[in-house]
C-alpha atoms as a PDB file:
ATOM      1  CA  MET A   1     -18.845   3.208  14.403  1.00  0.00           C
ATOM      2  CA  SER A   2     -18.915  -0.583  15.535  1.00  0.00           C
ATOM      3  CA  THR A   3     -17.115  -3.298  16.990  1.00  0.00           C
ATOM      4  CA  LEU A   4     -15.030  -5.200  14.847  1.00  0.00           C
ATOM      5  CA  PRO A   5     -16.608  -7.662  12.787  1.00  0.00           C
ATOM      6  CA  HIS A   6     -16.428 -11.341  13.392  1.00  0.00           C
ATOM      7  CA  ASP A   7     -15.404 -12.727  10.052  1.00  0.00           C
ATOM      8  CA  PRO A   8     -11.692 -11.575   9.007  1.00  0.00           C
ATOM      9  CA  ILE A   9     -11.919  -9.250   5.958  1.00  0.00           C
ATOM     10  CA  LEU A  10      -9.389 -10.645   3.738  1.00  0.00           C
ATOM     11  CA  ILE A  11      -9.449  -7.865   1.192  1.00  0.00           C
ATOM     12  CA  GLY A  12      -7.624  -4.376   1.758  1.00  0.00           C
ATOM     13  CA  VAL A  13      -7.261  -1.162  -0.485  1.00  0.00           C
ATOM     14  CA  ILE A  14      -5.673   1.942   1.162  1.00  0.00           C
ATOM     15  CA  GLY A  15      -6.578   5.021  -1.462  1.00  0.00           C
ATOM     16  CA  GLY A  16      -4.028   7.862  -2.184  1.00  0.00           C
ATOM     17  CA  SER A  17      -4.693  11.483  -3.486  1.00  0.00           C
ATOM     18  CA  GLY A  18      -8.359  11.877  -4.719  1.00  0.00           C
ATOM     19  CA  LEU A  19      -9.381   8.281  -3.966  1.00  0.00           C
ATOM     20  CA  TYR A  20     -11.380   8.754  -0.344  1.00  0.00           C
ATOM     21  CA  GLN A  21     -13.935   6.435  -1.141  1.00  0.00           C
ATOM     22  CA  MET A  22     -14.721   3.310  -3.383  1.00  0.00           C
ATOM     23  CA  GLU A  23     -17.862   3.179  -6.061  1.00  0.00           C
ATOM     24  CA  GLY A  24     -20.090   0.372  -6.468  1.00  0.00           C
ATOM     25  CA  MET A  25     -18.946  -1.017  -2.710  1.00  0.00           C
ATOM     26  CA  THR A  26     -21.937  -0.958  -0.666  1.00  0.00           C
ATOM     27  CA  VAL A  27     -20.991   0.598   2.725  1.00  0.00           C
ATOM     28  CA  LEU A  28     -21.457  -1.882   6.250  1.00  0.00           C
ATOM     29  CA  ASP A  29     -19.956  -0.314   8.810  1.00  0.00           C
ATOM     30  CA  GLU A  30     -17.080   2.297   9.831  1.00  0.00           C
ATOM     31  CA  VAL A  31     -14.388   1.194  12.520  1.00  0.00           C
ATOM     32  CA  ARG A  32     -12.191   2.996  13.852  1.00  0.00           C
ATOM     33  CA  ILE A  33      -9.236   0.702  15.690  1.00  0.00           C
ATOM     34  CA  ASP A  34      -7.166   1.273  18.747  1.00  0.00           C
ATOM     35  CA  THR A  35      -3.783  -0.233  17.874  1.00  0.00           C
ATOM     36  CA  PRO A  36      -0.124   0.304  20.038  1.00  0.00           C
ATOM     37  CA  PHE A  37       0.629   2.788  17.313  1.00  0.00           C
ATOM     38  CA  GLY A  38      -1.669   5.520  17.929  1.00  0.00           C
ATOM     39  CA  PRO A  39      -5.001   6.295  15.365  1.00  0.00           C
ATOM     40  CA  THR A  40      -5.197   5.370  11.755  1.00  0.00           C
ATOM     41  CA  SER A  41      -5.730   8.251   9.380  1.00  0.00           C
ATOM     42  CA  ASP A  42      -9.335   7.658   9.184  1.00  0.00           C
ATOM     43  CA  ALA A  43     -12.073   5.215   9.962  1.00  0.00           C
ATOM     44  CA  ILE A  44     -11.794   2.291   7.769  1.00  0.00           C
ATOM     45  CA  ILE A  45     -14.929   1.724   5.894  1.00  0.00           C
ATOM     46  CA  LEU A  46     -15.777  -1.960   5.960  1.00  0.00           C
ATOM     47  CA  GLY A  47     -18.336  -2.691   2.637  1.00  0.00           C
ATOM     48  CA  ALA A  48     -19.490  -5.450   0.159  1.00  0.00           C
ATOM     49  CA  ILE A  49     -19.037  -5.336  -3.481  1.00  0.00           C
ATOM     50  CA  ASP A  50     -21.281  -7.803  -5.697  1.00  0.00           C
ATOM     51  CA  THR A  51     -18.584  -9.666  -8.318  1.00  0.00           C
ATOM     52  CA  PRO A  52     -18.719 -12.385 -10.945  1.00  0.00           C
ATOM     53  CA  ALA A  53     -16.969 -14.715  -7.671  1.00  0.00           C
ATOM     54  CA  GLY A  54     -19.558 -13.906  -5.259  1.00  0.00           C
ATOM     55  CA  THR A  55     -20.255 -10.802  -2.937  1.00  0.00           C
ATOM     56  CA  ARG A  56     -16.723  -9.861  -1.308  1.00  0.00           C
ATOM     57  CA  LYS A  57     -16.066  -7.745   1.434  1.00  0.00           C
ATOM     58  CA  VAL A  58     -13.476  -4.824   1.916  1.00  0.00           C
ATOM     59  CA  ALA A  59     -12.182  -2.792   4.212  1.00  0.00           C
ATOM     60  CA  PHE A  60     -10.872   0.357   2.682  1.00  0.00           C
ATOM     61  CA  LEU A  61      -8.898   3.018   4.166  1.00  0.00           C
ATOM     62  CA  PRO A  62      -7.908   6.602   2.524  1.00  0.00           C
ATOM     63  CA  ARG A  63      -3.766   6.646   3.085  1.00  0.00           C
ATOM     64  CA  HIS A  64      -4.309  10.898   3.701  1.00  0.00           C
ATOM     65  CA  GLY A  65      -7.798  11.246   5.135  1.00  0.00           C
ATOM     66  CA  ARG A  66     -10.676  11.989   4.420  1.00  0.00           C
ATOM     67  CA  GLY A  67     -10.080  15.631   3.603  1.00  0.00           C
ATOM     68  CA  HIS A  68      -6.133  15.264   2.874  1.00  0.00           C
ATOM     69  CA  LEU A  69      -5.206  15.747   6.284  1.00  0.00           C
ATOM     70  CA  TYR A  70      -1.624  13.977   6.321  1.00  0.00           C
ATOM     71  CA  ASN A  71       1.510  14.964   4.132  1.00  0.00           C
ATOM     72  CA  PRO A  72       3.062  11.585   3.164  1.00  0.00           C
ATOM     73  CA  THR A  73       5.648  11.509   6.130  1.00  0.00           C
ATOM     74  CA  GLN A  74       3.017  12.178   8.842  1.00  0.00           C
ATOM     75  CA  ILE A  75       0.617   9.572   7.813  1.00  0.00           C
ATOM     76  CA  PRO A  76       0.159   6.856  10.572  1.00  0.00           C
ATOM     77  CA  VAL A  77       1.456   3.987   8.352  1.00  0.00           C
ATOM     78  CA  ARG A  78       1.894   1.694  11.229  1.00  0.00           C
ATOM     79  CA  ALA A  79      -1.181   2.386  12.695  1.00  0.00           C
ATOM     80  CA  ASN A  80      -2.914   1.623   9.370  1.00  0.00           C
ATOM     81  CA  ILE A  81      -1.208  -1.477   8.764  1.00  0.00           C
ATOM     82  CA  TRP A  82      -1.492  -2.587  11.796  1.00  0.00           C
ATOM     83  CA  ALA A  83      -5.394  -2.298  11.879  1.00  0.00           C
ATOM     84  CA  LEU A  84      -5.661  -3.682   8.594  1.00  0.00           C
ATOM     85  CA  LYS A  85      -4.169  -7.064   9.862  1.00  0.00           C
ATOM     86  CA  LYS A  86      -6.354  -6.767  12.850  1.00  0.00           C
ATOM     87  CA  LEU A  87      -9.204  -7.230  10.631  1.00  0.00           C
ATOM     88  CA  GLY A  88      -7.741 -10.074   8.906  1.00  0.00           C
ATOM     89  CA  VAL A  89      -6.425  -8.092   5.706  1.00  0.00           C
ATOM     90  CA  PHE A  90      -3.982 -10.389   3.581  1.00  0.00           C
ATOM     91  CA  TRP A  91      -4.623  -9.394  -0.196  1.00  0.00           C
ATOM     92  CA  LEU A  92      -3.702  -5.283   0.149  1.00  0.00           C
ATOM     93  CA  THR A  93      -3.824  -2.833  -2.765  1.00  0.00           C
ATOM     94  CA  SER A  94      -2.253   0.999  -2.353  1.00  0.00           C
ATOM     95  CA  VAL A  95      -3.373   3.258  -4.768  1.00  0.00           C
ATOM     96  CA  SER A  96      -0.780   6.032  -5.707  1.00  0.00           C
ATOM     97  CA  ALA A  97      -0.493   9.292  -7.058  1.00  0.00           C
ATOM     98  CA  VAL A  98       3.106   9.021  -8.991  1.00  0.00           C
ATOM     99  CA  GLY A  99       5.397  11.486 -11.544  1.00  0.00           C
ATOM    100  CA  SER A 100       6.903   9.952 -14.384  1.00  0.00           C
ATOM    101  CA  LEU A 101      10.635   9.169 -15.362  1.00  0.00           C
ATOM    102  CA  LYS A 102      10.287   7.612 -18.669  1.00  0.00           C
ATOM    103  CA  GLU A 103       8.768   9.181 -21.737  1.00  0.00           C
ATOM    104  CA  GLU A 104       6.941   6.006 -22.966  1.00  0.00           C
ATOM    105  CA  ILE A 105       4.921   6.532 -19.319  1.00  0.00           C
ATOM    106  CA  ALA A 106       2.458   9.363 -20.118  1.00  0.00           C
ATOM    107  CA  PRO A 107       0.023  11.285 -17.429  1.00  0.00           C
ATOM    108  CA  ARG A 108      -2.735   9.358 -17.069  1.00  0.00           C
ATOM    109  CA  ASP A 109      -0.966   6.108 -17.502  1.00  0.00           C
ATOM    110  CA  PHE A 110      -0.985   3.020 -15.087  1.00  0.00           C
ATOM    111  CA  VAL A 111       2.044   1.365 -14.000  1.00  0.00           C
ATOM    112  CA  ILE A 112       2.544  -1.326 -11.253  1.00  0.00           C
ATOM    113  CA  PRO A 113       5.655  -1.549  -9.767  1.00  0.00           C
ATOM    114  CA  ASP A 114       8.073  -4.378  -9.392  1.00  0.00           C
ATOM    115  CA  GLN A 115      10.870  -2.754  -7.230  1.00  0.00           C
ATOM    116  CA  VAL A 116      11.113   0.444  -5.195  1.00  0.00           C
ATOM    117  CA  ILE A 117      14.216   2.591  -4.037  1.00  0.00           C
ATOM    118  CA  ASP A 118      14.102   4.308  -0.603  1.00  0.00           C
ATOM    119  CA  ARG A 119      14.652   8.013  -0.737  1.00  0.00           C
ATOM    120  CA  THR A 120      12.913   8.987   2.194  1.00  0.00           C
ATOM    121  CA  ARG A 121      15.147  10.304   5.452  1.00  0.00           C
ATOM    122  CA  SER A 122      12.146  11.023   8.363  1.00  0.00           C
ATOM    123  CA  ARG A 123      10.101   7.752   8.778  1.00  0.00           C
ATOM    124  CA  VAL A 124      10.255   4.718  10.972  1.00  0.00           C
ATOM    125  CA  ASN A 125      10.758   1.711   8.864  1.00  0.00           C
ATOM    126  CA  THR A 126       9.720  -1.351  11.074  1.00  0.00           C
ATOM    127  CA  PHE A 127       7.531  -2.246  13.350  1.00  0.00           C
ATOM    128  CA  PHE A 128       9.980  -3.392  15.257  1.00  0.00           C
ATOM    129  CA  ASP A 129      11.030  -0.850  18.006  1.00  0.00           C
ATOM    130  CA  ASP A 130      12.573  -3.165  20.167  1.00  0.00           C
ATOM    131  CA  MET A 131      13.698  -6.695  18.993  1.00  0.00           C
ATOM    132  CA  VAL A 132      15.509  -7.495  15.868  1.00  0.00           C
ATOM    133  CA  VAL A 133      13.294  -8.660  12.616  1.00  0.00           C
ATOM    134  CA  HIS A 134      15.238  -9.562   9.147  1.00  0.00           C
ATOM    135  CA  ALA A 135      12.184  -9.760   6.533  1.00  0.00           C
ATOM    136  CA  GLY A 136      13.157 -10.349   3.038  1.00  0.00           C
ATOM    137  CA  PHE A 137      12.092  -8.091   1.012  1.00  0.00           C
ATOM    138  CA  SER A 138      14.125  -8.415  -2.594  1.00  0.00           C
ATOM    139  CA  TYR A 139      10.455  -8.282  -3.997  1.00  0.00           C
ATOM    140  CA  PRO A 140       8.437  -5.262  -2.442  1.00  0.00           C
ATOM    141  CA  PHE A 141       5.708  -5.341  -4.566  1.00  0.00           C
ATOM    142  CA  HIS A 142       4.377  -9.299  -4.385  1.00  0.00           C
ATOM    143  CA  PRO A 143       4.205 -10.881  -7.614  1.00  0.00           C
ATOM    144  CA  ASP A 144       1.211 -12.841  -6.636  1.00  0.00           C
ATOM    145  CA  ILE A 145      -1.007  -9.635  -6.192  1.00  0.00           C
ATOM    146  CA  THR A 146       0.866  -7.240  -9.004  1.00  0.00           C
ATOM    147  CA  ARG A 147       0.064 -10.150 -11.940  1.00  0.00           C
ATOM    148  CA  ILE A 148      -3.531  -9.819 -11.079  1.00  0.00           C
ATOM    149  CA  LEU A 149      -3.458  -5.761 -10.541  1.00  0.00           C
ATOM    150  CA  ALA A 150      -1.954  -5.538 -14.361  1.00  0.00           C
ATOM    151  CA  ALA A 151      -4.498  -7.765 -15.785  1.00  0.00           C
ATOM    152  CA  ALA A 152      -7.089  -5.861 -14.110  1.00  0.00           C
ATOM    153  CA  ALA A 153      -5.702  -2.366 -15.956  1.00  0.00           C
ATOM    154  CA  ARG A 154      -5.549  -4.546 -18.839  1.00  0.00           C
ATOM    155  CA  GLU A 155      -8.864  -5.602 -19.273  1.00  0.00           C
ATOM    156  CA  GLU A 156     -10.055  -1.925 -18.785  1.00  0.00           C
ATOM    157  CA  ALA A 157      -8.208  -1.073 -21.773  1.00  0.00           C
ATOM    158  CA  LEU A 158      -6.119   1.162 -20.201  1.00  0.00           C
ATOM    159  CA  THR A 159      -2.304   1.476 -20.881  1.00  0.00           C
ATOM    160  CA  VAL A 160      -0.401  -0.021 -18.417  1.00  0.00           C
ATOM    161  CA  HIS A 161       2.849  -0.635 -17.709  1.00  0.00           C
ATOM    162  CA  ASP A 162       3.920  -3.954 -15.803  1.00  0.00           C
ATOM    163  CA  GLY A 163       6.771  -3.307 -14.004  1.00  0.00           C
ATOM    164  CA  GLY A 164       9.351  -0.555 -13.132  1.00  0.00           C
ATOM    165  CA  THR A 165      10.729   0.895 -10.247  1.00  0.00           C
ATOM    166  CA  TYR A 166       9.425   3.216  -8.175  1.00  0.00           C
ATOM    167  CA  VAL A 167      11.439   5.800  -6.576  1.00  0.00           C
ATOM    168  CA  CYS A 168       9.998   7.402  -3.169  1.00  0.00           C
ATOM    169  CA  MET A 169      10.949  10.266  -2.190  1.00  0.00           C
ATOM    170  CA  GLU A 170      10.658  12.326   1.510  1.00  0.00           C
ATOM    171  CA  GLY A 171       8.362  15.052   0.925  1.00  0.00           C
ATOM    172  CA  PRO A 172       6.222  17.001   0.689  1.00  0.00           C
ATOM    173  CA  LEU A 173       8.137  19.348  -1.894  1.00  0.00           C
ATOM    174  CA  PHE A 174       8.661  17.710  -5.297  1.00  0.00           C
ATOM    175  CA  SER A 175      11.616  16.741  -6.337  1.00  0.00           C
ATOM    176  CA  THR A 176      14.605  19.550  -7.808  1.00  0.00           C
ATOM    177  CA  ARG A 177      15.730  18.673 -11.734  1.00  0.00           C
ATOM    178  CA  ALA A 178      19.098  17.773 -10.142  1.00  0.00           C
ATOM    179  CA  GLU A 179      17.499  14.925  -8.401  1.00  0.00           C
ATOM    180  CA  SER A 180      14.631  14.141 -11.141  1.00  0.00           C
ATOM    181  CA  ASN A 181      17.658  13.610 -13.461  1.00  0.00           C
ATOM    182  CA  LEU A 182      19.153  11.355 -11.392  1.00  0.00           C
ATOM    183  CA  HIS A 183      16.310   9.008 -10.652  1.00  0.00           C
ATOM    184  CA  ARG A 184      16.329   8.900 -14.425  1.00  0.00           C
ATOM    185  CA  SER A 185      19.759   7.761 -14.512  1.00  0.00           C
ATOM    186  CA  TRP A 186      18.903   5.052 -12.563  1.00  0.00           C
ATOM    187  CA  GLY A 187      16.276   3.350 -14.899  1.00  0.00           C
ATOM    188  CA  ALA A 188      14.086   4.226 -12.302  1.00  0.00           C
ATOM    189  CA  SER A 189      10.065   4.743 -13.774  1.00  0.00           C
ATOM    190  CA  ILE A 190       8.291   6.662 -11.444  1.00  0.00           C
ATOM    191  CA  ILE A 191       8.636   8.532  -7.804  1.00  0.00           C
ATOM    192  CA  GLY A 192       6.267   8.971  -5.244  1.00  0.00           C
ATOM    193  CA  MET A 193       5.740   9.979  -1.280  1.00  0.00           C
ATOM    194  CA  THR A 194       3.890   6.966  -0.125  1.00  0.00           C
ATOM    195  CA  ALA A 195       4.923   3.579  -0.722  1.00  0.00           C
ATOM    196  CA  LEU A 196       7.511   3.370   2.133  1.00  0.00           C
ATOM    197  CA  PRO A 197       7.401   2.057   4.607  1.00  0.00           C
ATOM    198  CA  GLU A 198       3.779   1.181   3.712  1.00  0.00           C
ATOM    199  CA  ALA A 199       5.411  -2.330   1.387  1.00  0.00           C
ATOM    200  CA  LYS A 200       8.178  -2.526   4.138  1.00  0.00           C
ATOM    201  CA  LEU A 201       5.363  -3.050   6.735  1.00  0.00           C
ATOM    202  CA  ALA A 202       3.103  -4.339   4.703  1.00  0.00           C
ATOM    203  CA  ARG A 203       5.909  -7.581   4.538  1.00  0.00           C
ATOM    204  CA  GLU A 204       6.247  -7.700   7.676  1.00  0.00           C
ATOM    205  CA  ALA A 205       2.429  -7.791   8.540  1.00  0.00           C
ATOM    206  CA  GLU A 206       3.264 -10.482   5.901  1.00  0.00           C
ATOM    207  CA  MET A 207       0.421  -9.279   3.805  1.00  0.00           C
ATOM    208  CA  CYS A 208       0.537  -9.731  -0.184  1.00  0.00           C
ATOM    209  CA  TYR A 209       0.899  -5.943  -1.176  1.00  0.00           C
ATOM    210  CA  GLY A 210       0.809  -4.360  -4.834  1.00  0.00           C
ATOM    211  CA  CYS A 211       0.633  -1.233  -6.104  1.00  0.00           C
ATOM    212  CA  ILE A 212      -1.262   0.652  -8.583  1.00  0.00           C
ATOM    213  CA  ALA A 213       0.706   3.868  -9.493  1.00  0.00           C
ATOM    214  CA  LEU A 214      -1.124   6.553 -11.083  1.00  0.00           C
ATOM    215  CA  ALA A 215       0.916   9.167 -13.393  1.00  0.00           C
ATOM    216  CA  THR A 216      -0.085  12.573 -12.910  1.00  0.00           C
ATOM    217  CA  ASP A 217       2.829  14.482 -14.522  1.00  0.00           C
ATOM    218  CA  TYR A 218       5.985  14.114 -15.804  1.00  0.00           C
ATOM    219  CA  ASP A 219       7.970  15.125 -12.688  1.00  0.00           C
ATOM    220  CA  VAL A 220      10.530  17.979 -13.679  1.00  0.00           C
ATOM    221  CA  TRP A 221      13.162  16.131 -16.059  1.00  0.00           C
ATOM    222  CA  ARG A 222      11.522  17.165 -19.082  1.00  0.00           C
ATOM    223  CA  ASP A 223      11.820  20.393 -21.329  1.00  0.00           C
ATOM    224  CA  GLY A 224       9.426  22.424 -20.703  1.00  0.00           C
ATOM    225  CA  GLU A 225       8.181  20.475 -17.149  1.00  0.00           C
ATOM    226  CA  ASP A 226      10.038  23.369 -14.964  1.00  0.00           C
ATOM    227  CA  HIS A 227       7.917  22.648 -12.414  1.00  0.00           C
ATOM    228  CA  VAL A 228       5.176  20.109 -11.291  1.00  0.00           C
ATOM    229  CA  ASP A 229       1.962  21.949 -11.835  1.00  0.00           C
ATOM    230  CA  VAL A 230      -0.829  20.916  -9.566  1.00  0.00           C
ATOM    231  CA  THR A 231      -3.731  22.000 -10.733  1.00  0.00           C
ATOM    232  CA  SER A 232      -2.813  19.719 -14.185  1.00  0.00           C
ATOM    233  CA  VAL A 233      -1.668  17.354 -11.220  1.00  0.00           C
ATOM    234  CA  MET A 234      -4.996  17.100  -9.944  1.00  0.00           C
ATOM    235  CA  ALA A 235      -7.216  17.039 -13.413  1.00  0.00           C
ATOM    236  CA  ASN A 236      -4.928  14.110 -13.970  1.00  0.00           C
ATOM    237  CA  VAL A 237      -6.196  12.642 -10.350  1.00  0.00           C
ATOM    238  CA  LYS A 238      -9.680  13.224 -11.244  1.00  0.00           C
ATOM    239  CA  ALA A 239      -9.288  11.100 -14.644  1.00  0.00           C
ATOM    240  CA  ASN A 240      -7.188   8.390 -12.956  1.00  0.00           C
ATOM    241  CA  VAL A 241      -9.130   7.919  -9.755  1.00  0.00           C
ATOM    242  CA  THR A 242     -12.317   7.392 -12.392  1.00  0.00           C
ATOM    243  CA  ASN A 243     -10.620   4.519 -14.128  1.00  0.00           C
ATOM    244  CA  VAL A 244      -8.973   3.235 -11.583  1.00  0.00           C
ATOM    245  CA  GLN A 245     -12.355   2.576  -9.744  1.00  0.00           C
ATOM    246  CA  ARG A 246     -13.298   0.414 -12.147  1.00  0.00           C
ATOM    247  CA  VAL A 247      -9.824  -1.665 -12.076  1.00  0.00           C
ATOM    248  CA  LEU A 248     -10.351  -2.121  -8.781  1.00  0.00           C
ATOM    249  CA  LYS A 249     -13.669  -4.051  -9.157  1.00  0.00           C
ATOM    250  CA  ARG A 250     -12.100  -6.535 -11.412  1.00  0.00           C
ATOM    251  CA  VAL A 251      -9.268  -6.777  -9.018  1.00  0.00           C
ATOM    252  CA  VAL A 252     -11.506  -7.632  -5.660  1.00  0.00           C
ATOM    253  CA  ALA A 253     -13.495  -9.932  -8.051  1.00  0.00           C
ATOM    254  CA  ALA A 254     -10.011 -11.669  -9.158  1.00  0.00           C
ATOM    255  CA  LEU A 255      -7.930 -12.281  -5.923  1.00  0.00           C
ATOM    256  CA  PRO A 256      -7.952 -15.724  -5.230  1.00  0.00           C
ATOM    257  CA  LEU A 257      -9.723 -16.116  -1.844  1.00  0.00           C
ATOM    258  CA  GLY A 258      -8.792 -19.227   0.251  1.00  0.00           C
ATOM    259  CA  HIS A 259      -5.442 -19.804  -0.891  1.00  0.00           C
ATOM    260  CA  GLU A 260      -3.460 -17.396   1.433  1.00  0.00           C
ATOM    261  CA  ASP A 261      -1.510 -20.015   2.714  1.00  0.00           C
ATOM    262  CA  GLU A 262      -0.082 -20.845  -0.751  1.00  0.00           C
ATOM    263  CA  SER A 263       1.878 -17.329  -0.599  1.00  0.00           C
ATOM    264  CA  GLU A 264       5.114 -17.106   0.380  1.00  0.00           C
ATOM    265  CA  ALA A 265       4.205 -13.349   1.424  1.00  0.00           C
ATOM    266  CA  ALA A 266       2.446 -15.381   4.205  1.00  0.00           C
ATOM    267  CA  SER A 267       5.329 -16.408   5.828  1.00  0.00           C
ATOM    268  CA  ALA A 268       7.476 -13.755   5.666  1.00  0.00           C
ATOM    269  CA  LEU A 269       8.248 -13.823   9.122  1.00  0.00           C
ATOM    270  CA  ARG A 270       9.135 -17.273   9.528  1.00  0.00           C
ATOM    271  CA  TYR A 271      13.023 -17.449   9.392  1.00  0.00           C
ATOM    272  CA  ALA A 272      12.857 -13.445   9.942  1.00  0.00           C
ATOM    273  CA  ILE A 273      12.795 -12.962  14.202  1.00  0.00           C
ATOM    274  CA  MET A 274      16.461 -12.794  15.695  1.00  0.00           C
ATOM    275  CA  THR A 275      15.997 -12.123  19.072  1.00  0.00           C
ATOM    276  CA  HIS A 276      16.003 -15.200  20.830  1.00  0.00           C
ATOM    277  CA  PRO A 277      12.147 -15.994  22.681  1.00  0.00           C
ATOM    278  CA  GLU A 278      13.694 -15.705  26.584  1.00  0.00           C
ATOM    279  CA  HIS A 279      14.313 -11.577  25.383  1.00  0.00           C
ATOM    280  CA  ILE A 280      10.602 -11.251  23.859  1.00  0.00           C
ATOM    281  CA  THR A 281       8.917  -9.998  26.931  1.00  0.00           C
ATOM    282  CA  PRO A 282       5.257  -9.983  27.948  1.00  0.00           C
ATOM    283  CA  ALA A 283       5.233  -6.393  26.634  1.00  0.00           C
ATOM    284  CA  MET A 284       6.661  -7.086  23.170  1.00  0.00           C
ATOM    285  CA  ARG A 285       4.015 -10.391  22.962  1.00  0.00           C
ATOM    286  CA  GLU A 286       1.325  -8.110  23.299  1.00  0.00           C
ATOM    287  CA  LYS A 287       2.850  -5.332  21.519  1.00  0.00           C
ATOM    288  CA  TYR A 288       4.057  -7.281  18.303  1.00  0.00           C
ATOM    289  CA  GLY A 289       1.643 -10.375  18.867  1.00  0.00           C
ATOM    290  CA  LEU A 290      -0.621  -9.967  15.804  1.00  0.00           C
ATOM    291  CA  PHE A 291       2.638 -10.682  13.648  1.00  0.00           C
ATOM    292  CA  ILE A 292       4.979 -12.967  15.540  1.00  0.00           C
ATOM    293  CA  ASN A 293       2.777 -15.271  18.068  1.00  0.00           C
ATOM    294  CA  LYS A 294       2.201 -17.865  15.560  1.00  0.00           C
ATOM    295  CA  TYR A 295       6.317 -17.981  15.500  1.00  0.00           C
ATOM    296  CA  LEU A 296       6.817 -18.120  19.085  1.00  0.00           C
ATOM    297  CA  PRO A 297       6.598 -20.897  21.852  1.00  0.00           C
ATOM    298  CA  PRO A 298       3.621 -20.459  24.185  1.00  0.00           C
ATOM    299  CA  THR A 299       3.912 -18.181  27.238  1.00  0.00           C
ATOM    300  CA  ALA A 300       4.120 -20.681  30.738  1.00  0.00           C
ATOM    301  CA  GLY A 301       0.615 -20.442  31.905  1.00  0.00           C
END
């Protein structure tokens, strides 16, 4: 373990089920960062990847912890996003295993969702417990990065579905058949357990966030699919992880480093802070300053 790097690390990857490390990355360090929201899921792995665009540094965090220690509800998402922001991450790619809600999305296909429906009920959905911040969230997966994710998957000759709605359920149990059919009636494409509150917190952290969703099964809506077979799911996860490793290398190379301020994501809180500055206490500034200080008048003294 080490102190924080001096230079910001602009690229972050959050690995989902089965993705606990990145291939082709030279590990430079592992860091554990103290956050106002407790410890992260695991140490954050700092590494370098050689690309045609040059050597690029990446911060990688296994969402569930190495050894898969946290179920979806228990993931310390606020700590994870805060710590990645502290490192300087702006371009954030999430990798998630999901079930398919459409016949044309087969197991082992890739989906780059552009919308999400929140079906969680036991999770904290904001950093701001004691002040009012209303950030826009009409496009939960930012188009500035989703275009890059979809292109990278196509370049690897994978079957990729560009766009679609991700239903985020609470878990940890899988859907009932009635729920699965309800979600299909809404026109949703995939169902998973981890996109939220991750996407919401990434927006509040002014990150450009996108998701590579890896289909592992047909949920339980399809004839003959009476339950989700975890053995089959894990076999598909393993195959998908092999493919996504190649995709991530392309993503890292394609991200437009140096153009962060040109993305709307970089100013997501500009008009979102409703609490008047005179009511934002020093303790609140300390807790949330990583996100809001640039929008607040300086304190006296």
